[in-house]
Amino acid sequence: MLDAIHHVAIICTDYDRSRRFYAELLGLDLIREVYREERQSWKADLRIGSAQLELFSFPAPVPRPSNPEATGLRHLAFAVGNLDAVVVRLEAAGVAVEPIRIDPYTDRRFTFFSDPDGLPLELYEAQQSTV
């Protein structure tokens, strides 16, 4: 019935800051960017693999409850080939990254960090690192 995840939508508080975070720091490719006058809202479509991330701005978005964990989306996970290299890049840019852990069910390494609005993001090492 369902073939794949097409996109995930994120509402941010500071569009320029979040656009730089996802496009420049995380390296997602910008597909298109539009300003929707009727909503006073920017929207960017960013490509990650075969899926997309939609980044929205709105004049006064309501904060998302995150801690303690709230019902709904828990986190967004990105597959990476070399977890150590991505962690080094994020930390060099001033992003706080949690210590790397090992998934006890898959034996894969993973860690968490947050986007500029505190949305929990996971890095999941899809292939074993050679480092």
Protein backbone atom coordinates (compact mmCIF):
# COMPACT_ATOMS: atom_id res chain seq x y z
CA MET A 1 0.00 0.00 0.00
CA LEU A 2 2.72 2.51 0.97
CA ASP A 3 5.91 2.69 -1.09
CA ALA A 4 8.22 5.08 0.78
CA ILE A 5 8.39 8.21 2.89
CA HIS A 6 8.11 11.14 0.49
CA HIS A 7 8.80 14.01 2.90
CA VAL A 8 8.95 15.16 6.48
CA ALA A 9 7.80 18.70 7.31
CA ILE A 10 9.44 20.89 9.95
CA ILE A 11 8.23 24.28 11.19
CA CYS A 12 11.05 26.49 12.42
CA THR A 13 11.21 29.72 14.41
CA ASP A 14 14.07 31.31 12.44
CA TYR A 15 13.86 30.33 8.78
CA ASP A 16 17.29 31.62 7.70
CA ARG A 17 19.06 29.93 10.61
CA SER A 18 17.28 26.60 10.03
CA ARG A 19 17.77 26.75 6.26
CA ARG A 20 21.52 27.22 6.78
CA PHE A 21 21.56 24.38 9.34
CA TYR A 22 19.84 21.84 7.08
CA ALA A 23 21.22 22.95 3.70
CA GLU A 24 24.74 24.13 4.52
CA LEU A 25 25.73 22.26 7.68
CA LEU A 26 23.88 18.98 7.09
CA GLY A 27 24.31 19.18 3.32
CA LEU A 28 20.74 18.65 2.11
CA ASP A 29 20.21 19.79 -1.48
CA LEU A 30 17.83 22.71 -2.02
CA ILE A 31 15.18 21.72 -4.58
CA ARG A 32 13.11 24.91 -4.40
CA GLU A 33 12.35 27.79 -2.10
CA VAL A 34 9.20 29.91 -2.18
CA TYR A 35 7.64 32.71 -0.16
CA ARG A 36 3.92 32.19 0.38
CA GLU A 37 2.58 35.73 0.78
CA GLU A 38 -0.91 34.65 1.89
CA ARG A 39 0.63 32.79 4.87
CA GLN A 40 3.63 35.08 5.44
CA SER A 41 5.61 31.88 5.25
CA TRP A 42 8.80 30.65 3.62
CA LYS A 43 8.96 27.05 2.40
CA ALA A 44 12.06 25.19 1.28
CA ASP A 45 12.08 21.71 -0.21
CA LEU A 46 15.35 19.94 0.56
CA ARG A 47 16.46 16.58 -0.85
CA ILE A 48 17.94 13.82 1.26
CA GLY A 49 18.42 10.58 -0.64
CA SER A 50 15.11 9.69 -2.25
CA ALA A 51 13.08 11.67 0.32
CA GLN A 52 12.51 15.35 1.00
CA LEU A 53 12.47 17.58 4.03
CA GLU A 54 10.05 20.51 3.88
CA LEU A 55 11.14 23.48 5.98
CA PHE A 56 8.44 26.02 6.86
CA SER A 57 8.37 29.35 8.65
CA PHE A 58 5.24 30.89 10.14
CA PRO A 59 4.82 34.24 11.94
CA ALA A 60 4.32 32.81 15.47
CA PRO A 61 4.63 29.01 15.65
CA VAL A 62 3.71 27.32 18.94
CA PRO A 63 6.66 25.63 20.68
CA ARG A 64 6.83 21.83 20.38
CA PRO A 65 6.91 19.91 23.66
CA SER A 66 10.02 17.75 23.62
CA ASN A 67 11.12 16.93 27.13
CA PRO A 68 9.81 14.85 28.70
CA GLU A 69 9.04 12.93 25.53
CA ALA A 70 5.70 13.96 24.08
CA THR A 71 3.20 12.04 21.97
CA GLY A 72 3.85 12.27 18.26
CA LEU A 73 7.08 12.42 16.30
CA ARG A 74 9.87 11.37 18.64
CA HIS A 75 12.83 12.23 16.42
CA LEU A 76 14.06 12.29 12.84
CA ALA A 77 16.92 9.89 12.05
CA PHE A 78 19.50 10.31 9.29
CA ALA A 79 21.51 7.37 7.96
CA VAL A 80 25.25 8.06 7.70
CA GLY A 81 28.15 5.98 6.44
CA ASN A 82 30.78 7.34 8.85
CA LEU A 83 29.32 8.51 12.15
CA ASP A 84 32.63 9.80 13.50
CA ALA A 85 33.19 12.14 10.55
CA VAL A 86 29.70 13.65 10.84
CA VAL A 87 30.06 14.13 14.60
CA VAL A 88 33.39 15.93 14.09
CA ARG A 89 31.80 18.25 11.50
CA LEU A 90 28.83 19.07 13.74
CA GLU A 91 30.97 19.68 16.83
CA ALA A 92 33.32 21.91 14.80
CA ALA A 93 30.25 23.99 13.91
CA GLY A 94 29.33 24.31 17.60
CA VAL A 95 26.53 21.72 17.62
CA ALA A 96 26.29 19.71 20.84
CA VAL A 97 26.26 15.98 20.08
CA GLU A 98 25.48 13.28 22.65
CA PRO A 99 27.99 10.48 23.26
CA ILE A 100 27.86 7.71 20.64
CA ARG A 101 25.92 4.64 21.72
CA ILE A 102 25.41 1.17 20.24
CA ASP A 103 21.93 -0.11 19.41
CA PRO A 104 21.69 -3.39 21.37
CA TYR A 105 19.41 -4.94 18.73
CA THR A 106 21.33 -4.07 15.55
CA ASP A 107 24.86 -3.44 16.89
CA ARG A 108 24.89 -0.15 14.92
CA ARG A 109 26.30 3.06 16.36
CA PHE A 110 24.09 6.13 16.78
CA THR A 111 23.89 9.48 18.52
CA PHE A 112 21.54 12.41 18.93
CA PHE A 113 21.77 16.16 18.45
CA SER A 114 19.19 18.93 18.01
CA ASP A 115 18.29 21.34 15.25
CA PRO A 116 18.23 25.10 16.02
CA ASP A 117 14.70 24.78 17.48
CA GLY A 118 15.51 21.79 19.68
CA LEU A 119 13.98 19.13 17.41
CA PRO A 120 15.72 15.85 18.27
CA LEU A 121 17.75 14.48 15.37
CA GLU A 122 19.53 11.13 15.25
CA LEU A 123 22.56 10.02 13.28
CA TYR A 124 22.41 6.27 12.64
CA GLU A 125 25.47 4.58 11.17
CA ALA A 126 23.94 2.45 8.41
CA GLN A 127 27.30 0.83 7.59
CA GLN A 128 29.99 -0.19 10.01
CA SER A 129 32.68 2.46 10.25
CA THR A 130 36.18 1.51 9.18
CA VAL A 131 37.65 4.00 11.67
